[in-house]
PDB file of N, CA and C in Angstrom:
ATOM      1  N   UNK A   1      33.706 111.876  22.991  1.00  0.00           N
ATOM      2  CA  UNK A   1      33.627 111.918  24.438  1.00  0.00           C
ATOM      3  C   UNK A   1      32.353 111.234  24.909  1.00  0.00           C
ATOM      4  N   UNK A   2      32.453 110.646  26.034  1.00  0.00           N
ATOM      5  CA  UNK A   2      31.275 110.012  26.607  1.00  0.00           C
ATOM      6  C   UNK A   2      30.622 110.950  27.603  1.00  0.00           C
ATOM      7  N   UNK A   3      29.400 110.635  27.936  1.00  0.00           N
ATOM      8  CA  UNK A   3      28.682 111.490  28.884  1.00  0.00           C
ATOM      9  C   UNK A   3      29.330 111.472  30.263  1.00  0.00           C
ATOM     10  N   UNK A   4      30.108 110.430  30.567  1.00  0.00           N
ATOM     11  CA  UNK A   4      30.758 110.361  31.880  1.00  0.00           C
ATOM     12  C   UNK A   4      31.810 111.451  32.053  1.00  0.00           C
ATOM     13  N   UNK A   5      32.288 112.020  30.956  1.00  0.00           N
ATOM     14  CA  UNK A   5      33.262 113.114  31.035  1.00  0.00           C
ATOM     15  C   UNK A   5      32.651 114.353  31.687  1.00  0.00           C
ATOM     16  N   UNK A   6      31.335 114.426  31.648  1.00  0.00           N
ATOM     17  CA  UNK A   6      30.656 115.606  32.160  1.00  0.00           C
ATOM     18  C   UNK A   6      29.981 115.344  33.497  1.00  0.00           C
ATOM     19  N   UNK A   7      30.311 114.249  34.141  1.00  0.00           N
ATOM     20  CA  UNK A   7      29.687 113.876  35.407  1.00  0.00           C
ATOM     21  C   UNK A   7      29.790 114.942  36.467  1.00  0.00           C
ATOM     22  N   UNK A   8      30.975 115.563  36.602  1.00  0.00           N
ATOM     23  CA  UNK A   8      31.157 116.619  37.592  1.00  0.00           C
ATOM     24  C   UNK A   8      30.272 117.809  37.330  1.00  0.00           C
ATOM     25  N   UNK A   9      30.119 118.174  36.055  1.00  0.00           N
ATOM     26  CA  UNK A   9      29.241 119.290  35.693  1.00  0.00           C
ATOM     27  C   UNK A   9      27.791 118.965  36.011  1.00  0.00           C
ATOM     28  N   UNK A  10      27.386 117.733  35.757  1.00  0.00           N
ATOM     29  CA  UNK A  10      26.013 117.330  36.041  1.00  0.00           C
ATOM     30  C   UNK A  10      25.740 117.339  37.541  1.00  0.00           C
ATOM     31  N   UNK A  11      26.715 116.911  38.320  1.00  0.00           N
ATOM     32  CA  UNK A  11      26.567 116.917  39.775  1.00  0.00           C
ATOM     33  C   UNK A  11      26.459 118.360  40.277  1.00  0.00           C
ATOM     34  N   UNK A  12      27.332 119.222  39.774  1.00  0.00           N
ATOM     35  CA  UNK A  12      27.302 120.635  40.180  1.00  0.00           C
ATOM     36  C   UNK A  12      25.977 121.274  39.791  1.00  0.00           C
ATOM     37  N   UNK A  13      25.492 120.990  38.585  1.00  0.00           N
ATOM     38  CA  UNK A  13      24.214 121.550  38.129  1.00  0.00           C
ATOM     39  C   UNK A  13      23.072 121.051  39.003  1.00  0.00           C
ATOM     40  N   UNK A  14      23.115 119.794  39.368  1.00  0.00           N
ATOM     41  CA  UNK A  14      22.082 119.224  40.229  1.00  0.00           C
ATOM     42  C   UNK A  14      22.079 119.894  41.604  1.00  0.00           C
ATOM     43  N   UNK A  15      23.259 120.144  42.137  1.00  0.00           N
ATOM     44  CA  UNK A  15      23.357 120.821  43.434  1.00  0.00           C
ATOM     45  C   UNK A  15      22.809 122.240  43.365  1.00  0.00           C
ATOM     46  N   UNK A  16      23.138 122.942  42.281  1.00  0.00           N
ATOM     47  CA  UNK A  16      22.618 124.301  42.107  1.00  0.00           C
ATOM     48  C   UNK A  16      21.101 124.289  41.972  1.00  0.00           C
ATOM     49  N   UNK A  17      20.585 123.336  41.231  1.00  0.00           N
ATOM     50  CA  UNK A  17      19.136 123.248  41.064  1.00  0.00           C
ATOM     51  C   UNK A  17      18.453 123.007  42.410  1.00  0.00           C
ATOM     52  N   UNK A  18      19.024 122.106  43.194  1.00  0.00           N
ATOM     53  CA  UNK A  18      18.459 121.821  44.508  1.00  0.00           C
ATOM     54  C   UNK A  18      18.480 123.061  45.390  1.00  0.00           C
ATOM     55  N   UNK A  19      19.570 123.805  45.325  1.00  0.00           N
ATOM     56  CA  UNK A  19      19.737 124.981  46.177  1.00  0.00           C
ATOM     57  C   UNK A  19      18.832 126.147  45.776  1.00  0.00           C
ATOM     58  N   UNK A  20      18.637 126.349  44.468  1.00  0.00           N
ATOM     59  CA  UNK A  20      17.961 127.551  44.000  1.00  0.00           C
ATOM     60  C   UNK A  20      16.620 127.315  43.307  1.00  0.00           C
ATOM     61  N   UNK A  21      16.155 126.095  43.214  1.00  0.00           N
ATOM     62  CA  UNK A  21      14.933 125.778  42.457  1.00  0.00           C
ATOM     63  C   UNK A  21      13.701 126.521  42.952  1.00  0.00           C
ATOM     64  N   UNK A  22      13.649 126.838  44.223  1.00  0.00           N
ATOM     65  CA  UNK A  22      12.449 127.476  44.778  1.00  0.00           C
ATOM     66  C   UNK A  22      12.417 128.993  44.573  1.00  0.00           C
ATOM     67  N   UNK A  23      13.519 129.561  44.092  1.00  0.00           N
ATOM     68  CA  UNK A  23      13.565 131.011  43.903  1.00  0.00           C
ATOM     69  C   UNK A  23      12.859 131.425  42.621  1.00  0.00           C
ATOM     70  N   UNK A  24      12.203 132.566  42.667  1.00  0.00           N
ATOM     71  CA  UNK A  24      11.642 133.161  41.457  1.00  0.00           C
ATOM     72  C   UNK A  24      12.795 133.716  40.634  1.00  0.00           C
ATOM     73  N   UNK A  25      12.557 133.891  39.344  1.00  0.00           N
ATOM     74  CA  UNK A  25      13.606 134.357  38.435  1.00  0.00           C
ATOM     75  C   UNK A  25      14.224 135.672  38.909  1.00  0.00           C
ATOM     76  N   UNK A  26      13.393 136.617  39.322  1.00  0.00           N
ATOM     77  CA  UNK A  26      13.929 137.913  39.752  1.00  0.00           C
ATOM     78  C   UNK A  26      14.766 137.776  41.017  1.00  0.00           C
ATOM     79  N   UNK A  27      14.355 136.898  41.918  1.00  0.00           N
ATOM     80  CA  UNK A  27      15.128 136.683  43.149  1.00  0.00           C
ATOM     81  C   UNK A  27      16.471 136.042  42.852  1.00  0.00           C
ATOM     82  N   UNK A  28      16.470 135.072  41.945  1.00  0.00           N
ATOM     83  CA  UNK A  28      17.725 134.414  41.575  1.00  0.00           C
ATOM     84  C   UNK A  28      18.661 135.393  40.875  1.00  0.00           C
ATOM     85  N   UNK A  29      18.113 136.211  40.000  1.00  0.00           N
ATOM     86  CA  UNK A  29      18.912 137.213  39.297  1.00  0.00           C
ATOM     87  C   UNK A  29      19.498 138.225  40.279  1.00  0.00           C
ATOM     88  N   UNK A  30      18.682 138.678  41.227  1.00  0.00           N
ATOM     89  CA  UNK A  30      19.156 139.619  42.242  1.00  0.00           C
ATOM     90  C   UNK A  30      20.278 138.979  43.077  1.00  0.00           C
ATOM     91  N   UNK A  31      20.104 137.737  43.467  1.00  0.00           N
ATOM     92  CA  UNK A  31      21.111 137.023  44.240  1.00  0.00           C
ATOM     93  C   UNK A  31      22.430 136.953  43.471  1.00  0.00           C
ATOM     94  N   UNK A  32      22.350 136.614  42.187  1.00  0.00           N
ATOM     95  CA  UNK A  32      23.564 136.510  41.377  1.00  0.00           C
ATOM     96  C   UNK A  32      24.256 137.861  41.212  1.00  0.00           C
ATOM     97  N   UNK A  33      23.481 138.909  40.910  1.00  0.00           N
ATOM     98  CA  UNK A  33      24.053 140.233  40.645  1.00  0.00           C
ATOM     99  C   UNK A  33      24.578 140.897  41.912  1.00  0.00           C
ATOM    100  N   UNK A  34      23.828 140.814  42.986  1.00  0.00           N
ATOM    101  CA  UNK A  34      24.189 141.558  44.190  1.00  0.00           C
ATOM    102  C   UNK A  34      25.027 140.771  45.201  1.00  0.00           C
ATOM    103  N   UNK A  35      24.827 139.459  45.289  1.00  0.00           N
ATOM    104  CA  UNK A  35      25.474 138.703  46.352  1.00  0.00           C
ATOM    105  C   UNK A  35      26.519 137.697  45.877  1.00  0.00           C
ATOM    106  N   UNK A  36      26.169 136.858  44.919  1.00  0.00           N
ATOM    107  CA  UNK A  36      27.091 135.802  44.500  1.00  0.00           C
ATOM    108  C   UNK A  36      28.251 136.322  43.645  1.00  0.00           C
ATOM    109  N   UNK A  37      27.950 137.241  42.727  1.00  0.00           N
ATOM    110  CA  UNK A  37      28.967 137.730  41.787  1.00  0.00           C
ATOM    111  C   UNK A  37      28.940 139.250  41.666  1.00  0.00           C
ATOM    112  N   UNK A  38      28.983 139.976  42.773  1.00  0.00           N
ATOM    113  CA  UNK A  38      28.893 141.440  42.670  1.00  0.00           C
ATOM    114  C   UNK A  38      30.045 142.008  41.830  1.00  0.00           C
ATOM    115  N   UNK A  39      29.679 142.792  40.820  1.00  0.00           N
ATOM    116  CA  UNK A  39      30.672 143.415  39.950  1.00  0.00           C
ATOM    117  C   UNK A  39      31.351 142.449  38.996  1.00  0.00           C
ATOM    118  N   UNK A  40      30.908 141.189  38.948  1.00  0.00           N
ATOM    119  CA  UNK A  40      31.562 140.194  38.095  1.00  0.00           C
ATOM    120  C   UNK A  40      30.596 139.478  37.173  1.00  0.00           C
ATOM    121  N   UNK A  41      29.432 140.036  36.952  1.00  0.00           N
ATOM    122  CA  UNK A  41      28.437 139.369  36.115  1.00  0.00           C
ATOM    123  C   UNK A  41      28.016 140.307  34.996  1.00  0.00           C
ATOM    124  N   UNK A  42      27.754 139.728  33.831  1.00  0.00           N
ATOM    125  CA  UNK A  42      27.292 140.501  32.677  1.00  0.00           C
ATOM    126  C   UNK A  42      26.222 139.690  31.959  1.00  0.00           C
ATOM    127  N   UNK A  43      25.473 140.356  31.141  1.00  0.00           N
ATOM    128  CA  UNK A  43      24.401 139.742  30.380  1.00  0.00           C
ATOM    129  C   UNK A  43      24.714 139.928  28.905  1.00  0.00           C
ATOM    130  N   UNK A  44      24.543 138.892  28.104  1.00  0.00           N
ATOM    131  CA  UNK A  44      24.665 139.008  26.652  1.00  0.00           C
ATOM    132  C   UNK A  44      23.253 139.043  26.108  1.00  0.00           C
ATOM    133  N   UNK A  45      22.965 140.024  25.265  1.00  0.00           N
ATOM    134  CA  UNK A  45      21.603 140.183  24.776  1.00  0.00           C
ATOM    135  C   UNK A  45      21.572 140.538  23.300  1.00  0.00           C
ATOM    136  N   UNK A  46      20.584 139.972  22.619  1.00  0.00           N
ATOM    137  CA  UNK A  46      20.337 140.324  21.221  1.00  0.00           C
ATOM    138  C   UNK A  46      19.492 141.585  21.127  1.00  0.00           C
ATOM    139  N   UNK A  47      18.925 142.010  22.264  1.00  0.00           N
ATOM    140  CA  UNK A  47      17.988 143.123  22.327  1.00  0.00           C
ATOM    141  C   UNK A  47      16.770 142.870  21.448  1.00  0.00           C
ATOM    142  N   UNK A  48      16.465 141.605  21.229  1.00  0.00           N
ATOM    143  CA  UNK A  48      15.252 141.240  20.512  1.00  0.00           C
ATOM    144  C   UNK A  48      14.059 141.324  21.448  1.00  0.00           C
ATOM    145  N   UNK A  49      12.882 141.094  20.892  1.00  0.00           N
ATOM    146  CA  UNK A  49      11.657 141.201  21.680  1.00  0.00           C
ATOM    147  C   UNK A  49      11.668 140.241  22.866  1.00  0.00           C
ATOM    148  N   UNK A  50      12.187 139.030  22.679  1.00  0.00           N
ATOM    149  CA  UNK A  50      12.208 138.055  23.762  1.00  0.00           C
ATOM    150  C   UNK A  50      13.190 138.428  24.864  1.00  0.00           C
ATOM    151  N   UNK A  51      14.192 139.225  24.546  1.00  0.00           N
ATOM    152  CA  UNK A  51      15.200 139.619  25.533  1.00  0.00           C
ATOM    153  C   UNK A  51      14.696 140.722  26.461  1.00  0.00           C
ATOM    154  N   UNK A  52      13.648 141.391  26.074  1.00  0.00           N
ATOM    155  CA  UNK A  52      13.170 142.551  26.833  1.00  0.00           C
ATOM    156  C   UNK A  52      12.809 142.200  28.276  1.00  0.00           C
ATOM    157  N   UNK A  53      12.236 141.035  28.499  1.00  0.00           N
ATOM    158  CA  UNK A  53      11.835 140.652  29.860  1.00  0.00           C
ATOM    159  C   UNK A  53      13.051 140.525  30.774  1.00  0.00           C
ATOM    160  N   UNK A  54      14.079 139.854  30.315  1.00  0.00           N
ATOM    161  CA  UNK A  54      15.290 139.698  31.125  1.00  0.00           C
ATOM    162  C   UNK A  54      15.983 141.049  31.327  1.00  0.00           C
ATOM    163  N   UNK A  55      16.053 141.855  30.289  1.00  0.00           N
ATOM    164  CA  UNK A  55      16.650 143.183  30.416  1.00  0.00           C
ATOM    165  C   UNK A  55      15.872 144.037  31.415  1.00  0.00           C
ATOM    166  N   UNK A  56      14.553 143.918  31.414  1.00  0.00           N
ATOM    167  CA  UNK A  56      13.727 144.660  32.364  1.00  0.00           C
ATOM    168  C   UNK A  56      14.047 144.223  33.790  1.00  0.00           C
ATOM    169  N   UNK A  57      14.159 142.901  34.018  1.00  0.00           N
ATOM    170  CA  UNK A  57      14.486 142.411  35.362  1.00  0.00           C
ATOM    171  C   UNK A  57      15.841 142.935  35.817  1.00  0.00           C
ATOM    172  N   UNK A  58      16.826 142.908  34.934  1.00  0.00           N
ATOM    173  CA  UNK A  58      18.159 143.411  35.275  1.00  0.00           C
ATOM    174  C   UNK A  58      18.096 144.898  35.597  1.00  0.00           C
ATOM    175  N   UNK A  59      17.334 145.655  34.819  1.00  0.00           N
ATOM    176  CA  UNK A  59      17.255 147.099  35.059  1.00  0.00           C
ATOM    177  C   UNK A  59      16.609 147.419  36.400  1.00  0.00           C
ATOM    178  N   UNK A  60      15.745 146.551  36.887  1.00  0.00           N
ATOM    179  CA  UNK A  60      15.114 146.753  38.193  1.00  0.00           C
ATOM    180  C   UNK A  60      16.074 146.455  39.341  1.00  0.00           C
ATOM    181  N   UNK A  61      17.116 145.674  39.060  1.00  0.00           N
ATOM    182  CA  UNK A  61      18.081 145.288  40.091  1.00  0.00           C
ATOM    183  C   UNK A  61      19.280 146.229  40.097  1.00  0.00           C
ATOM    184  N   UNK A  62      19.903 146.410  38.925  1.00  0.00           N
ATOM    185  CA  UNK A  62      21.088 147.259  38.817  1.00  0.00           C
ATOM    186  C   UNK A  62      21.248 147.708  37.377  1.00  0.00           C
ATOM    187  N   UNK A  63      20.897 148.950  37.104  1.00  0.00           N
ATOM    188  CA  UNK A  63      20.968 149.489  35.744  1.00  0.00           C
ATOM    189  C   UNK A  63      22.385 149.538  35.182  1.00  0.00           C
ATOM    190  N   UNK A  64      23.388 149.425  36.063  1.00  0.00           N
ATOM    191  CA  UNK A  64      24.785 149.464  35.627  1.00  0.00           C
ATOM    192  C   UNK A  64      25.357 148.079  35.345  1.00  0.00           C
ATOM    193  N   UNK A  65      24.540 147.028  35.440  1.00  0.00           N
ATOM    194  CA  UNK A  65      25.017 145.687  35.087  1.00  0.00           C
ATOM    195  C   UNK A  65      25.425 145.707  33.621  1.00  0.00           C
ATOM    196  N   UNK A  66      26.641 145.242  33.307  1.00  0.00           N
ATOM    197  CA  UNK A  66      27.059 145.235  31.896  1.00  0.00           C
ATOM    198  C   UNK A  66      26.154 144.353  31.041  1.00  0.00           C
ATOM    199  N   UNK A  67      25.750 144.906  29.908  1.00  0.00           N
ATOM    200  CA  UNK A  67      24.961 144.173  28.925  1.00  0.00           C
ATOM    201  C   UNK A  67      25.744 144.202  27.621  1.00  0.00           C
ATOM    202  N   UNK A  68      26.078 143.033  27.097  1.00  0.00           N
ATOM    203  CA  UNK A  68      26.863 142.926  25.873  1.00  0.00           C
ATOM    204  C   UNK A  68      25.925 142.724  24.685  1.00  0.00           C
ATOM    205  N   UNK A  69      26.113 143.537  23.663  1.00  0.00           N
ATOM    206  CA  UNK A  69      25.369 143.421  22.411  1.00  0.00           C
ATOM    207  C   UNK A  69      26.375 143.099  21.313  1.00  0.00           C
ATOM    208  N   UNK A  70      26.186 141.984  20.617  1.00  0.00           N
ATOM    209  CA  UNK A  70      27.079 141.610  19.525  1.00  0.00           C
ATOM    210  C   UNK A  70      26.537 142.213  18.247  1.00  0.00           C
ATOM    211  N   UNK A  71      27.285 143.173  17.698  1.00  0.00           N
ATOM    212  CA  UNK A  71      26.887 143.848  16.466  1.00  0.00           C
ATOM    213  C   UNK A  71      27.506 143.102  15.294  1.00  0.00           C
ATOM    214  N   UNK A  72      26.698 142.294  14.638  1.00  0.00           N
ATOM    215  CA  UNK A  72      27.165 141.486  13.512  1.00  0.00           C
ATOM    216  C   UNK A  72      27.240 142.283  12.222  1.00  0.00           C
ATOM    217  N   UNK A  73      26.667 143.465  12.242  1.00  0.00           N
ATOM    218  CA  UNK A  73      26.601 144.246  11.012  1.00  0.00           C
ATOM    219  C   UNK A  73      25.469 143.785  10.108  1.00  0.00           C
ATOM    220  N   UNK A  74      24.689 142.827  10.563  1.00  0.00           N
ATOM    221  CA  UNK A  74      23.604 142.273   9.766  1.00  0.00           C
ATOM    222  C   UNK A  74      22.222 142.618  10.327  1.00  0.00           C
ATOM    223  N   UNK A  75      22.186 143.480  11.332  1.00  0.00           N
ATOM    224  CA  UNK A  75      20.907 143.827  11.961  1.00  0.00           C
ATOM    225  C   UNK A  75      20.121 144.794  11.086  1.00  0.00           C
ATOM    226  N   UNK A  76      18.806 144.628  11.095  1.00  0.00           N
ATOM    227  CA  UNK A  76      17.929 145.564  10.407  1.00  0.00           C
ATOM    228  C   UNK A  76      17.951 146.893  11.162  1.00  0.00           C
ATOM    229  N   UNK A  77      17.783 148.010  10.473  1.00  0.00           N
ATOM    230  CA  UNK A  77      17.730 149.303  11.154  1.00  0.00           C
ATOM    231  C   UNK A  77      16.667 149.333  12.255  1.00  0.00           C
ATOM    232  N   UNK A  78      15.559 148.651  12.034  1.00  0.00           N
ATOM    233  CA  UNK A  78      14.498 148.609  13.036  1.00  0.00           C
ATOM    234  C   UNK A  78      14.952 147.902  14.311  1.00  0.00           C
ATOM    235  N   UNK A  79      15.790 146.888  14.157  1.00  0.00           N
ATOM    236  CA  UNK A  79      16.327 146.166  15.317  1.00  0.00           C
ATOM    237  C   UNK A  79      17.206 147.089  16.145  1.00  0.00           C
ATOM    238  N   UNK A  80      18.053 147.839  15.480  1.00  0.00           N
ATOM    239  CA  UNK A  80      18.949 148.761  16.181  1.00  0.00           C
ATOM    240  C   UNK A  80      18.149 149.886  16.846  1.00  0.00           C
ATOM    241  N   UNK A  81      17.105 150.355  16.177  1.00  0.00           N
ATOM    242  CA  UNK A  81      16.261 151.397  16.767  1.00  0.00           C
ATOM    243  C   UNK A  81      15.531 150.851  17.996  1.00  0.00           C
ATOM    244  N   UNK A  82      15.050 149.614  17.924  1.00  0.00           N
ATOM    245  CA  UNK A  82      14.392 148.982  19.066  1.00  0.00           C
ATOM    246  C   UNK A  82      15.376 148.838  20.217  1.00  0.00           C
ATOM    247  N   UNK A  83      16.601 148.431  19.911  1.00  0.00           N
ATOM    248  CA  UNK A  83      17.646 148.315  20.938  1.00  0.00           C
ATOM    249  C   UNK A  83      17.865 149.660  21.620  1.00  0.00           C
ATOM    250  N   UNK A  84      18.036 150.705  20.841  1.00  0.00           N
ATOM    251  CA  UNK A  84      18.284 152.034  21.399  1.00  0.00           C
ATOM    252  C   UNK A  84      17.112 152.498  22.270  1.00  0.00           C
ATOM    253  N   UNK A  85      15.894 152.233  21.800  1.00  0.00           N
ATOM    254  CA  UNK A  85      14.700 152.611  22.555  1.00  0.00           C
ATOM    255  C   UNK A  85      14.631 151.833  23.871  1.00  0.00           C
ATOM    256  N   UNK A  86      14.930 150.543  23.825  1.00  0.00           N
ATOM    257  CA  UNK A  86      14.889 149.715  25.026  1.00  0.00           C
ATOM    258  C   UNK A  86      15.929 150.165  26.049  1.00  0.00           C
ATOM    259  N   UNK A  87      17.130 150.490  25.582  1.00  0.00           N
ATOM    260  CA  UNK A  87      18.177 150.992  26.480  1.00  0.00           C
ATOM    261  C   UNK A  87      17.692 152.262  27.177  1.00  0.00           C
ATOM    262  N   UNK A  88      17.099 153.163  26.421  1.00  0.00           N
ATOM    263  CA  UNK A  88      16.614 154.428  26.988  1.00  0.00           C
ATOM    264  C   UNK A  88      15.459 154.193  27.964  1.00  0.00           C
ATOM    265  N   UNK A  89      14.488 153.387  27.568  1.00  0.00           N
ATOM    266  CA  UNK A  89      13.315 153.140  28.424  1.00  0.00           C
ATOM    267  C   UNK A  89      13.697 152.466  29.742  1.00  0.00           C
ATOM    268  N   UNK A  90      14.641 151.527  29.679  1.00  0.00           N
ATOM    269  CA  UNK A  90      15.028 150.788  30.875  1.00  0.00           C
ATOM    270  C   UNK A  90      16.110 151.499  31.679  1.00  0.00           C
ATOM    271  N   UNK A  91      16.721 152.515  31.094  1.00  0.00           N
ATOM    272  CA  UNK A  91      17.755 153.270  31.799  1.00  0.00           C
ATOM    273  C   UNK A  91      19.044 152.496  31.983  1.00  0.00           C
ATOM    274  N   UNK A  92      19.319 151.556  31.076  1.00  0.00           N
ATOM    275  CA  UNK A  92      20.562 150.786  31.163  1.00  0.00           C
ATOM    276  C   UNK A  92      21.746 151.720  30.937  1.00  0.00           C
ATOM    277  N   UNK A  93      22.748 151.621  31.792  1.00  0.00           N
ATOM    278  CA  UNK A  93      23.855 152.589  31.740  1.00  0.00           C
ATOM    279  C   UNK A  93      25.203 151.978  31.387  1.00  0.00           C
ATOM    280  N   UNK A  94      25.252 150.667  31.122  1.00  0.00           N
ATOM    281  CA  UNK A  94      26.547 150.039  30.847  1.00  0.00           C
ATOM    282  C   UNK A  94      26.385 149.009  29.739  1.00  0.00           C
ATOM    283  N   UNK A  95      26.108 149.488  28.525  1.00  0.00           N
ATOM    284  CA  UNK A  95      25.961 148.606  27.374  1.00  0.00           C
ATOM    285  C   UNK A  95      27.312 148.512  26.680  1.00  0.00           C
ATOM    286  N   UNK A  96      27.724 147.275  26.417  1.00  0.00           N
ATOM    287  CA  UNK A  96      29.003 147.002  25.770  1.00  0.00           C
ATOM    288  C   UNK A  96      28.693 146.458  24.382  1.00  0.00           C
ATOM    289  N   UNK A  97      29.314 147.044  23.348  1.00  0.00           N
ATOM    290  CA  UNK A  97      29.093 146.605  21.977  1.00  0.00           C
ATOM    291  C   UNK A  97      30.311 145.824  21.509  1.00  0.00           C
ATOM    292  N   UNK A  98      30.084 144.592  21.060  1.00  0.00           N
ATOM    293  CA  UNK A  98      31.148 143.777  20.472  1.00  0.00           C
ATOM    294  C   UNK A  98      30.891 143.742  18.972  1.00  0.00           C
ATOM    295  N   UNK A  99      31.906 144.081  18.198  1.00  0.00           N
ATOM    296  CA  UNK A  99      31.730 144.105  16.744  1.00  0.00           C
ATOM    297  C   UNK A  99      32.978 143.570  16.069  1.00  0.00           C
ATOM    298  N   UNK A 100      32.877 143.362  14.763  1.00  0.00           N
ATOM    299  CA  UNK A 100      34.008 142.849  13.999  1.00  0.00           C
ATOM    300  C   UNK A 100      35.213 143.754  14.171  1.00  0.00           C
ATOM    301  N   UNK A 101      36.385 143.147  14.205  1.00  0.00           N
ATOM    302  CA  UNK A 101      37.623 143.897  14.383  1.00  0.00           C
ATOM    303  C   UNK A 101      37.787 144.965  13.316  1.00  0.00           C
ATOM    304  N   UNK A 102      38.342 146.081  13.699  1.00  0.00           N
ATOM    305  CA  UNK A 102      38.613 147.157  12.750  1.00  0.00           C
ATOM    306  C   UNK A 102      37.397 147.985  12.401  1.00  0.00           C
ATOM    307  N   UNK A 103      36.272 147.667  12.993  1.00  0.00           N
ATOM    308  CA  UNK A 103      35.070 148.440  12.712  1.00  0.00           C
ATOM    309  C   UNK A 103      34.428 148.084  11.391  1.00  0.00           C
ATOM    310  N   UNK A 104      35.145 147.384  10.498  1.00  0.00           N
ATOM    311  CA  UNK A 104      34.573 146.925   9.241  1.00  0.00           C
ATOM    312  C   UNK A 104      34.198 145.469   9.451  1.00  0.00           C
ATOM    313  N   UNK A 105      32.927 145.196   9.541  1.00  0.00           N
ATOM    314  CA  UNK A 105      32.467 143.883   9.970  1.00  0.00           C
ATOM    315  C   UNK A 105      32.903 142.749   9.058  1.00  0.00           C
ATOM    316  N   UNK A 106      33.450 143.041   7.913  1.00  0.00           N
ATOM    317  CA  UNK A 106      33.930 141.983   7.033  1.00  0.00           C
ATOM    318  C   UNK A 106      35.443 141.880   7.002  1.00  0.00           C
ATOM    319  N   UNK A 107      36.133 142.814   7.625  1.00  0.00           N
ATOM    320  CA  UNK A 107      37.593 142.855   7.554  1.00  0.00           C
ATOM    321  C   UNK A 107      38.214 142.178   8.756  1.00  0.00           C
ATOM    322  N   UNK A 108      39.538 142.078   8.733  1.00  0.00           N
ATOM    323  CA  UNK A 108      40.248 141.503   9.869  1.00  0.00           C
ATOM    324  C   UNK A 108      40.175 139.995   9.853  1.00  0.00           C
ATOM    325  N   UNK A 109      40.506 139.402  10.967  1.00  0.00           N
ATOM    326  CA  UNK A 109      40.462 137.948  11.081  1.00  0.00           C
ATOM    327  C   UNK A 109      39.009 137.495  11.107  1.00  0.00           C
ATOM    328  N   UNK A 110      38.687 136.455  10.348  1.00  0.00           N
ATOM    329  CA  UNK A 110      37.309 135.947  10.371  1.00  0.00           C
ATOM    330  C   UNK A 110      36.909 135.553  11.790  1.00  0.00           C
ATOM    331  N   UNK A 111      35.743 136.006  12.209  1.00  0.00           N
ATOM    332  CA  UNK A 111      35.244 135.663  13.531  1.00  0.00           C
ATOM    333  C   UNK A 111      35.793 136.500  14.664  1.00  0.00           C
ATOM    334  N   UNK A 112      36.762 137.378  14.380  1.00  0.00           N
ATOM    335  CA  UNK A 112      37.356 138.199  15.441  1.00  0.00           C
ATOM    336  C   UNK A 112      36.426 139.354  15.779  1.00  0.00           C
ATOM    337  N   UNK A 113      36.343 139.653  17.046  1.00  0.00           N
ATOM    338  CA  UNK A 113      35.546 140.801  17.467  1.00  0.00           C
ATOM    339  C   UNK A 113      36.385 141.679  18.365  1.00  0.00           C
ATOM    340  N   UNK A 114      36.040 142.934  18.413  1.00  0.00           N
ATOM    341  CA  UNK A 114      36.632 143.822  19.398  1.00  0.00           C
ATOM    342  C   UNK A 114      35.488 144.346  20.246  1.00  0.00           C
ATOM    343  N   UNK A 115      35.793 144.657  21.477  1.00  0.00           N
ATOM    344  CA  UNK A 115      34.760 145.071  22.412  1.00  0.00           C
ATOM    345  C   UNK A 115      34.980 146.527  22.774  1.00  0.00           C
ATOM    346  N   UNK A 116      33.905 147.292  22.733  1.00  0.00           N
ATOM    347  CA  UNK A 116      33.937 148.701  23.091  1.00  0.00           C
ATOM    348  C   UNK A 116      33.002 148.892  24.268  1.00  0.00           C
ATOM    349  N   UNK A 117      33.485 149.513  25.308  1.00  0.00           N
ATOM    350  CA  UNK A 117      32.647 149.719  26.486  1.00  0.00           C
ATOM    351  C   UNK A 117      32.316 151.191  26.617  1.00  0.00           C
ATOM    352  N   UNK A 118      31.079 151.440  27.000  1.00  0.00           N
ATOM    353  CA  UNK A 118      30.639 152.819  27.171  1.00  0.00           C
ATOM    354  C   UNK A 118      29.709 152.849  28.365  1.00  0.00           C
ATOM    355  N   UNK A 119      30.043 153.653  29.326  1.00  0.00           N
ATOM    356  CA  UNK A 119      29.103 153.896  30.419  1.00  0.00           C
ATOM    357  C   UNK A 119      28.226 155.051  29.985  1.00  0.00           C
ATOM    358  N   UNK A 120      26.957 154.912  30.169  1.00  0.00           N
ATOM    359  CA  UNK A 120      26.031 155.926  29.720  1.00  0.00           C
ATOM    360  C   UNK A 120      25.217 155.370  28.567  1.00  0.00           C
ATOM    361  N   UNK A 121      24.489 156.235  27.878  1.00  0.00           N
ATOM    362  CA  UNK A 121      23.627 155.767  26.803  1.00  0.00           C
ATOM    363  C   UNK A 121      24.421 155.049  25.715  1.00  0.00           C
ATOM    364  N   UNK A 122      23.787 154.064  25.098  1.00  0.00           N
ATOM    365  CA  UNK A 122      24.418 153.307  24.040  1.00  0.00           C
ATOM    366  C   UNK A 122      24.735 154.207  22.848  1.00  0.00           C
ATOM    367  N   UNK A 123      25.919 154.091  22.339  1.00  0.00           N
ATOM    368  CA  UNK A 123      26.306 154.795  21.123  1.00  0.00           C
ATOM    369  C   UNK A 123      26.786 153.780  20.108  1.00  0.00           C
ATOM    370  N   UNK A 124      26.534 154.041  18.854  1.00  0.00           N
ATOM    371  CA  UNK A 124      27.067 153.178  17.793  1.00  0.00           C
ATOM    372  C   UNK A 124      28.545 153.499  17.639  1.00  0.00           C
ATOM    373  N   UNK A 125      29.334 152.467  17.524  1.00  0.00           N
ATOM    374  CA  UNK A 125      30.779 152.641  17.367  1.00  0.00           C
ATOM    375  C   UNK A 125      31.120 152.403  15.908  1.00  0.00           C
ATOM    376  N   UNK A 126      31.997 153.234  15.359  1.00  0.00           N
ATOM    377  CA  UNK A 126      32.355 153.060  13.947  1.00  0.00           C
ATOM    378  C   UNK A 126      33.122 151.776  13.731  1.00  0.00           C
TER     379      UNK A 126
END
């Protein structure tokens, strides 16, 4: 494919940049969550140290914003403990865990995930 195939996307991105470039990150996030896409926006997070800033901003706007965590089954116990602590500290109430199908991260179709939603504190799903 040539770059001209993406011309429309580049034009749209340029228009968005022009429209929103002057907004601070928290203002843009608030606009997206509350006004542009109310009830239709989610965040995907590794819950790593670098993700904490964005998660904090989201928690200040709407603690019920869905946050998706992909459980690869390869996380260190410390990573999962940090995730749980961050969820509790920030008061996030809508964490969604995506994991390998069947609950056995090596079973099922390769690359397939199932999504489990829980309102309230994050729980590990079998």
